[in-house]
PDB file of N, CA and C in Angstrom:
ATOM      1  N   MET A   1     -21.298  13.545   6.578  1.00  0.00           N
ATOM      2  CA  MET A   1     -20.804  13.307   5.330  1.00  0.00           C
ATOM      3  C   MET A   1     -21.590  12.473   4.706  1.00  0.00           C
ATOM      4  N   SER A   2     -21.849  12.509   3.302  1.00  0.00           N
ATOM      5  CA  SER A   2     -23.033  12.011   2.634  1.00  0.00           C
ATOM      6  C   SER A   2     -22.142  10.379   2.345  1.00  0.00           C
ATOM      7  N   SER A   3     -22.994   9.506   1.997  1.00  0.00           N
ATOM      8  CA  SER A   3     -22.443   8.105   1.942  1.00  0.00           C
ATOM      9  C   SER A   3     -21.707   8.107   0.671  1.00  0.00           C
ATOM     10  N   ALA A   4     -22.076   8.840  -0.396  1.00  0.00           N
ATOM     11  CA  ALA A   4     -21.053   8.518  -1.690  1.00  0.00           C
ATOM     12  C   ALA A   4     -19.813   9.241  -1.335  1.00  0.00           C
ATOM     13  N   ARG A   5     -19.808  10.536  -0.630  1.00  0.00           N
ATOM     14  CA  ARG A   5     -18.723  10.965  -0.381  1.00  0.00           C
ATOM     15  C   ARG A   5     -17.779  10.283   0.542  1.00  0.00           C
ATOM     16  N   ARG A   6     -18.106   9.518   1.564  1.00  0.00           N
ATOM     17  CA  ARG A   6     -17.316   8.616   2.489  1.00  0.00           C
ATOM     18  C   ARG A   6     -16.966   7.634   1.595  1.00  0.00           C
ATOM     19  N   LEU A   7     -17.599   6.628   0.895  1.00  0.00           N
ATOM     20  CA  LEU A   7     -17.071   5.646  -0.001  1.00  0.00           C
ATOM     21  C   LEU A   7     -16.146   6.226  -0.934  1.00  0.00           C
ATOM     22  N   LEU A   8     -16.009   7.389  -1.605  1.00  0.00           N
ATOM     23  CA  LEU A   8     -15.382   7.711  -2.395  1.00  0.00           C
ATOM     24  C   LEU A   8     -13.828   8.232  -1.740  1.00  0.00           C
ATOM     25  N   MET A   9     -13.888   8.855  -0.492  1.00  0.00           N
ATOM     26  CA  MET A   9     -12.836   8.963   0.135  1.00  0.00           C
ATOM     27  C   MET A   9     -12.141   7.769   0.877  1.00  0.00           C
ATOM     28  N   GLU A  10     -12.820   6.700   0.943  1.00  0.00           N
ATOM     29  CA  GLU A  10     -12.408   5.292   1.579  1.00  0.00           C
ATOM     30  C   GLU A  10     -11.603   4.794   0.144  1.00  0.00           C
ATOM     31  N   GLY A  11     -12.351   4.808  -0.914  1.00  0.00           N
ATOM     32  CA  GLY A  11     -11.668   4.059  -1.993  1.00  0.00           C
ATOM     33  C   GLY A  11     -10.405   4.664  -2.283  1.00  0.00           C
ATOM     34  N   LEU A  12     -10.537   6.283  -2.386  1.00  0.00           N
ATOM     35  CA  LEU A  12      -9.266   7.128  -3.072  1.00  0.00           C
ATOM     36  C   LEU A  12      -8.126   6.886  -1.817  1.00  0.00           C
ATOM     37  N   SER A  13      -8.443   6.897  -0.698  1.00  0.00           N
ATOM     38  CA  SER A  13      -7.349   6.878   0.339  1.00  0.00           C
ATOM     39  C   SER A  13      -6.765   5.378   0.241  1.00  0.00           C
ATOM     40  N   ASP A  14      -7.594   4.239   0.057  1.00  0.00           N
ATOM     41  CA  ASP A  14      -6.886   2.864   0.054  1.00  0.00           C
ATOM     42  C   ASP A  14      -6.242   2.591  -1.071  1.00  0.00           C
ATOM     43  N   ALA A  15      -6.811   3.302  -2.246  1.00  0.00           N
ATOM     44  CA  ALA A  15      -5.944   3.083  -3.512  1.00  0.00           C
ATOM     45  C   ALA A  15      -4.405   3.982  -3.543  1.00  0.00           C
ATOM     46  N   VAL A  16      -4.488   5.021  -3.042  1.00  0.00           N
ATOM     47  CA  VAL A  16      -3.222   5.668  -2.835  1.00  0.00           C
ATOM     48  C   VAL A  16      -2.251   5.081  -1.541  1.00  0.00           C
ATOM     49  N   GLY A  17      -2.902   4.816  -0.655  1.00  0.00           N
ATOM     50  CA  GLY A  17      -1.838   3.919   0.340  1.00  0.00           C
ATOM     51  C   GLY A  17      -1.509   2.769  -0.275  1.00  0.00           C
ATOM     52  N   PHE A  18      -2.168   1.855  -0.831  1.00  0.00           N
ATOM     53  CA  PHE A  18      -1.611   0.801  -1.624  1.00  0.00           C
ATOM     54  C   PHE A  18      -0.639   0.859  -2.787  1.00  0.00           C
ATOM     55  N   VAL A  19      -0.769   1.936  -3.567  1.00  0.00           N
ATOM     56  CA  VAL A  19       0.079   2.388  -4.723  1.00  0.00           C
ATOM     57  C   VAL A  19       1.455   2.944  -4.226  1.00  0.00           C
ATOM     58  N   GLY A  20       1.293   3.691  -3.040  1.00  0.00           N
ATOM     59  CA  GLY A  20       2.198   4.445  -2.485  1.00  0.00           C
ATOM     60  C   GLY A  20       3.414   3.240  -1.768  1.00  0.00           C
ATOM     61  N   GLY A  21       2.502   2.330  -1.022  1.00  0.00           N
ATOM     62  CA  GLY A  21       3.203   1.432  -0.379  1.00  0.00           C
ATOM     63  C   GLY A  21       4.090   0.275  -1.408  1.00  0.00           C
ATOM     64  N   ALA A  22       3.228   0.208  -2.513  1.00  0.00           N
ATOM     65  CA  ALA A  22       3.715  -0.863  -3.428  1.00  0.00           C
ATOM     66  C   ALA A  22       4.887  -0.090  -3.935  1.00  0.00           C
ATOM     67  N   LEU A  23       5.070   1.081  -4.537  1.00  0.00           N
ATOM     68  CA  LEU A  23       6.101   1.733  -5.093  1.00  0.00           C
ATOM     69  C   LEU A  23       7.368   1.920  -4.100  1.00  0.00           C
ATOM     70  N   ALA A  24       7.069   2.065  -2.635  1.00  0.00           N
ATOM     71  CA  ALA A  24       7.858   2.150  -1.744  1.00  0.00           C
ATOM     72  C   ALA A  24       8.820   0.744  -1.622  1.00  0.00           C
ATOM     73  N   GLY A  25       8.109  -0.377  -1.503  1.00  0.00           N
ATOM     74  CA  GLY A  25       8.482  -1.500  -1.869  1.00  0.00           C
ATOM     75  C   GLY A  25       9.118  -2.088  -2.896  1.00  0.00           C
ATOM     76  N   TYR A  26       8.847  -1.411  -4.139  1.00  0.00           N
ATOM     77  CA  TYR A  26       9.707  -1.683  -5.284  1.00  0.00           C
ATOM     78  C   TYR A  26      11.032  -1.004  -5.191  1.00  0.00           C
ATOM     79  N   TRP A  27      10.979   0.143  -4.739  1.00  0.00           N
ATOM     80  CA  TRP A  27      12.459   1.176  -4.663  1.00  0.00           C
ATOM     81  C   TRP A  27      13.110   0.497  -3.444  1.00  0.00           C
ATOM     82  N   ILE A  28      12.643  -0.013  -2.567  1.00  0.00           N
ATOM     83  CA  ILE A  28      13.398  -0.697  -1.414  1.00  0.00           C
ATOM     84  C   ILE A  28      14.467  -1.936  -2.167  1.00  0.00           C
ATOM     85  N   GLY A  29      13.363  -2.602  -2.699  1.00  0.00           N
ATOM     86  CA  GLY A  29      13.888  -3.916  -3.465  1.00  0.00           C
ATOM     87  C   GLY A  29      15.082  -3.275  -4.324  1.00  0.00           C
ATOM     88  N   ARG A  30      14.734  -2.515  -5.150  1.00  0.00           N
ATOM     89  CA  ARG A  30      15.966  -2.257  -6.149  1.00  0.00           C
ATOM     90  C   ARG A  30      17.011  -1.523  -5.447  1.00  0.00           C
ATOM     91  N   LEU A  31      16.971  -0.784  -4.292  1.00  0.00           N
ATOM     92  CA  LEU A  31      18.245  -0.432  -3.341  1.00  0.00           C
ATOM     93  C   LEU A  31      19.039  -1.773  -3.046  1.00  0.00           C
ATOM     94  N   LEU A  32      18.225  -2.798  -2.535  1.00  0.00           N
ATOM     95  CA  LEU A  32      18.674  -4.148  -1.963  1.00  0.00           C
ATOM     96  C   LEU A  32      19.285  -5.151  -3.089  1.00  0.00           C
ATOM     97  N   GLY A  33      19.022  -4.657  -4.666  1.00  0.00           N
ATOM     98  CA  GLY A  33      19.408  -5.481  -5.363  1.00  0.00           C
ATOM     99  C   GLY A  33      18.494  -6.405  -5.734  1.00  0.00           C
ATOM    100  N   PHE A  34      17.257  -6.330  -5.641  1.00  0.00           N
ATOM    101  CA  PHE A  34      16.221  -7.190  -6.159  1.00  0.00           C
ATOM    102  C   PHE A  34      15.233  -6.547  -7.189  1.00  0.00           C
ATOM    103  N   ASP A  35      15.335  -7.446  -8.642  1.00  0.00           N
ATOM    104  CA  ASP A  35      14.797  -6.723  -9.804  1.00  0.00           C
ATOM    105  C   ASP A  35      13.567  -7.526  -9.900  1.00  0.00           C
ATOM    106  N   ILE A  36      12.198  -6.933  -9.957  1.00  0.00           N
ATOM    107  CA  ILE A  36      11.186  -7.909 -10.124  1.00  0.00           C
ATOM    108  C   ILE A  36      10.639  -8.084 -11.829  1.00  0.00           C
ATOM    109  N   PHE A  37      11.740  -7.414 -12.572  1.00  0.00           N
ATOM    110  CA  PHE A  37      11.473  -7.682 -14.334  1.00  0.00           C
ATOM    111  C   PHE A  37      12.564  -8.416 -14.633  1.00  0.00           C
ATOM    112  N   THR A  38      13.380  -9.180 -14.204  1.00  0.00           N
ATOM    113  CA  THR A  38      14.433  -9.856 -14.501  1.00  0.00           C
ATOM    114  C   THR A  38      13.717 -11.255 -15.274  1.00  0.00           C
ATOM    115  N   SER A  39      14.117 -11.738 -16.095  1.00  0.00           N
ATOM    116  CA  SER A  39      13.232 -12.898 -16.804  1.00  0.00           C
ATOM    117  C   SER A  39      13.230 -14.091 -15.844  1.00  0.00           C
ATOM    118  N   GLY A  40      12.357 -14.833 -15.728  1.00  0.00           N
ATOM    119  CA  GLY A  40      12.159 -16.190 -15.030  1.00  0.00           C
ATOM    120  C   GLY A  40      11.852 -15.651 -13.457  1.00  0.00           C
ATOM    121  N   TYR A  41      11.699 -16.815 -12.650  1.00  0.00           N
ATOM    122  CA  TYR A  41      11.365 -16.691 -11.320  1.00  0.00           C
ATOM    123  C   TYR A  41      12.630 -16.753 -10.351  1.00  0.00           C
ATOM    124  N   GLY A  42      13.536 -16.261 -10.537  1.00  0.00           N
ATOM    125  CA  GLY A  42      14.702 -16.406  -9.808  1.00  0.00           C
ATOM    126  C   GLY A  42      14.399 -16.061  -8.551  1.00  0.00           C
ATOM    127  N   PRO A  43      15.203 -16.117  -7.459  1.00  0.00           N
ATOM    128  CA  PRO A  43      15.326 -15.637  -5.933  1.00  0.00           C
ATOM    129  C   PRO A  43      15.428 -14.150  -5.971  1.00  0.00           C
ATOM    130  N   SER A  44      15.966 -13.683  -6.769  1.00  0.00           N
ATOM    131  CA  SER A  44      15.945 -12.073  -6.736  1.00  0.00           C
ATOM    132  C   SER A  44      14.519 -11.657  -7.027  1.00  0.00           C
ATOM    133  N   SER A  45      14.026 -12.057  -8.072  1.00  0.00           N
ATOM    134  CA  SER A  45      12.742 -11.621  -8.794  1.00  0.00           C
ATOM    135  C   SER A  45      11.708 -11.845  -7.732  1.00  0.00           C
ATOM    136  N   LEU A  46      11.747 -13.171  -7.065  1.00  0.00           N
ATOM    137  CA  LEU A  46      10.862 -13.223  -5.907  1.00  0.00           C
ATOM    138  C   LEU A  46      10.730 -12.551  -4.820  1.00  0.00           C
ATOM    139  N   ALA A  47      12.010 -12.210  -4.455  1.00  0.00           N
ATOM    140  CA  ALA A  47      12.310 -11.513  -3.355  1.00  0.00           C
ATOM    141  C   ALA A  47      11.639  -9.921  -3.552  1.00  0.00           C
ATOM    142  N   GLY A  48      11.854  -9.428  -5.051  1.00  0.00           N
ATOM    143  CA  GLY A  48      11.386  -8.196  -5.127  1.00  0.00           C
ATOM    144  C   GLY A  48       9.859  -8.063  -5.237  1.00  0.00           C
ATOM    145  N   ILE A  49       9.331  -9.176  -5.697  1.00  0.00           N
ATOM    146  CA  ILE A  49       7.993  -9.484  -6.018  1.00  0.00           C
ATOM    147  C   ILE A  49       7.291  -9.400  -4.516  1.00  0.00           C
ATOM    148  N   ALA A  50       7.825  -9.919  -3.557  1.00  0.00           N
ATOM    149  CA  ALA A  50       7.186 -10.193  -1.923  1.00  0.00           C
ATOM    150  C   ALA A  50       7.395  -8.606  -1.376  1.00  0.00           C
ATOM    151  N   LEU A  51       8.597  -8.041  -1.748  1.00  0.00           N
ATOM    152  CA  LEU A  51       8.693  -6.661  -1.073  1.00  0.00           C
ATOM    153  C   LEU A  51       7.525  -5.831  -1.818  1.00  0.00           C
ATOM    154  N   VAL A  52       6.984  -5.773  -2.804  1.00  0.00           N
ATOM    155  CA  VAL A  52       6.124  -5.036  -3.674  1.00  0.00           C
ATOM    156  C   VAL A  52       4.717  -5.459  -2.889  1.00  0.00           C
ATOM    157  N   GLY A  53       4.877  -6.720  -2.715  1.00  0.00           N
ATOM    158  CA  GLY A  53       3.312  -7.100  -2.028  1.00  0.00           C
ATOM    159  C   GLY A  53       3.463  -6.665  -0.511  1.00  0.00           C
ATOM    160  N   LEU A  54       4.469  -6.578  -0.066  1.00  0.00           N
ATOM    161  CA  LEU A  54       4.239  -6.539   1.541  1.00  0.00           C
ATOM    162  C   LEU A  54       4.124  -4.832   1.498  1.00  0.00           C
ATOM    163  N   GLY A  55       4.817  -4.201   0.756  1.00  0.00           N
ATOM    164  CA  GLY A  55       4.759  -2.489   0.640  1.00  0.00           C
ATOM    165  C   GLY A  55       3.223  -2.242   0.487  1.00  0.00           C
ATOM    166  N   GLY A  56       2.595  -2.779  -0.538  1.00  0.00           N
ATOM    167  CA  GLY A  56       1.371  -2.467  -1.041  1.00  0.00           C
ATOM    168  C   GLY A  56       0.206  -2.806   0.497  1.00  0.00           C
ATOM    169  N   GLY A  57       0.303  -3.707   1.120  1.00  0.00           N
ATOM    170  CA  GLY A  57      -0.310  -4.285   2.246  1.00  0.00           C
ATOM    171  C   GLY A  57      -0.104  -3.313   3.618  1.00  0.00           C
ATOM    172  N   PHE A  58       1.091  -2.820   3.646  1.00  0.00           N
ATOM    173  CA  PHE A  58       1.514  -1.947   4.677  1.00  0.00           C
ATOM    174  C   PHE A  58       1.033  -0.613   4.369  1.00  0.00           C
ATOM    175  N   GLY A  59       1.025  -0.253   3.104  1.00  0.00           N
ATOM    176  CA  GLY A  59       0.430   1.262   2.685  1.00  0.00           C
ATOM    177  C   GLY A  59      -1.059   1.184   2.848  1.00  0.00           C
ATOM    178  N   LEU A  60      -1.627   0.016   2.789  1.00  0.00           N
ATOM    179  CA  LEU A  60      -3.019  -0.064   2.820  1.00  0.00           C
ATOM    180  C   LEU A  60      -3.435   0.045   4.062  1.00  0.00           C
ATOM    181  N   GLN A  61      -2.576  -0.588   4.873  1.00  0.00           N
ATOM    182  CA  GLN A  61      -3.083  -0.522   6.237  1.00  0.00           C
ATOM    183  C   GLN A  61      -2.706   0.977   6.779  1.00  0.00           C
ATOM    184  N   ALA A  62      -1.536   1.369   6.554  1.00  0.00           N
ATOM    185  CA  ALA A  62      -1.618   2.964   7.140  1.00  0.00           C
ATOM    186  C   ALA A  62      -2.621   3.707   6.631  1.00  0.00           C
ATOM    187  N   ALA A  63      -3.012   3.797   5.448  1.00  0.00           N
ATOM    188  CA  ALA A  63      -4.114   4.422   4.865  1.00  0.00           C
ATOM    189  C   ALA A  63      -5.353   4.210   5.730  1.00  0.00           C
ATOM    190  N   ARG A  64      -5.846   3.063   6.157  1.00  0.00           N
ATOM    191  CA  ARG A  64      -6.968   3.114   6.820  1.00  0.00           C
ATOM    192  C   ARG A  64      -6.589   3.463   8.420  1.00  0.00           C
ATOM    193  N   ARG A  65      -5.600   3.328   8.743  1.00  0.00           N
ATOM    194  CA  ARG A  65      -5.190   3.882  10.266  1.00  0.00           C
ATOM    195  C   ARG A  65      -5.599   5.463  10.082  1.00  0.00           C
ATOM    196  N   TRP A  66      -4.944   6.019   9.007  1.00  0.00           N
ATOM    197  CA  TRP A  66      -5.097   7.316   8.843  1.00  0.00           C
ATOM    198  C   TRP A  66      -6.290   7.689   8.875  1.00  0.00           C
ATOM    199  N   ARG A  67      -7.429   7.019   8.031  1.00  0.00           N
ATOM    200  CA  ARG A  67      -8.713   7.262   8.028  1.00  0.00           C
ATOM    201  C   ARG A  67      -9.578   7.191   9.237  1.00  0.00           C
ATOM    202  N   ALA A  68      -8.982   6.030   9.881  1.00  0.00           N
ATOM    203  CA  ALA A  68      -9.731   6.016  11.359  1.00  0.00           C
ATOM    204  C   ALA A  68      -9.306   6.950  12.196  1.00  0.00           C
ATOM    205  N   SER A  69      -8.183   7.800  12.269  1.00  0.00           N
ATOM    206  CA  SER A  69      -7.846   8.741  13.032  1.00  0.00           C
ATOM    207  C   SER A  69      -8.376   9.993  12.730  1.00  0.00           C
ATOM    208  N   ARG A  70      -8.949  10.176  11.597  1.00  0.00           N
ATOM    209  CA  ARG A  70      -9.754  11.325  11.016  1.00  0.00           C
ATOM    210  C   ARG A  70     -11.011  11.194  11.451  1.00  0.00           C
ATOM    211  N   ALA A  71     -11.655  10.010  11.863  1.00  0.00           N
ATOM    212  CA  ALA A  71     -13.192   9.696  11.949  1.00  0.00           C
ATOM    213  C   ALA A  71     -13.501  10.453  13.092  1.00  0.00           C
ATOM    214  N   PRO A  72     -14.495  11.009  13.249  1.00  0.00           N
ATOM    215  CA  PRO A  72     -15.407  11.658  14.297  1.00  0.00           C
ATOM    216  C   PRO A  72     -15.568  10.596  15.684  1.00  0.00           C
ATOM    217  N   ARG A  73     -14.960  11.019  16.451  1.00  0.00           N
ATOM    218  CA  ARG A  73     -15.491   9.932  17.757  1.00  0.00           C
ATOM    219  C   ARG A  73     -16.813  10.174  18.323  1.00  0.00           C
ATOM    220  N   ASP A  74     -17.415   8.900  18.635  1.00  0.00           N
ATOM    221  CA  ASP A  74     -18.885   9.011  19.219  1.00  0.00           C
ATOM    222  C   ASP A  74     -18.521   9.095  20.713  1.00  0.00           C
ATOM    223  N   LYS A  75     -19.392  10.024  21.388  1.00  0.00           N
ATOM    224  CA  LYS A  75     -19.234  10.329  22.960  1.00  0.00           C
ATOM    225  C   LYS A  75     -20.251   9.271  23.436  1.00  0.00           C
ATOM    226  N   GLU A  76     -19.880   8.437  24.247  1.00  0.00           N
ATOM    227  CA  GLU A  76     -20.638   7.784  25.121  1.00  0.00           C
ATOM    228  C   GLU A  76     -21.057   8.128  26.564  1.00  0.00           C
TER     229      GLU A  76
END
């Protein structure tokens, strides 16, 4: 695989994993009653923001693990 294609695949998979994870964190927060769009920075808003951040991080790590599992293994 060419260097440009590999970098494009890496960037796209990271972006999809991060955005997907952040959206999952947002909707989990909404189901639990946390709204990140309330005025001010109350406990509910901060908990919702934290869930979005955690979801984005978990999604990014999942994308990187998925990409690593698809990488060809070097035989030693």
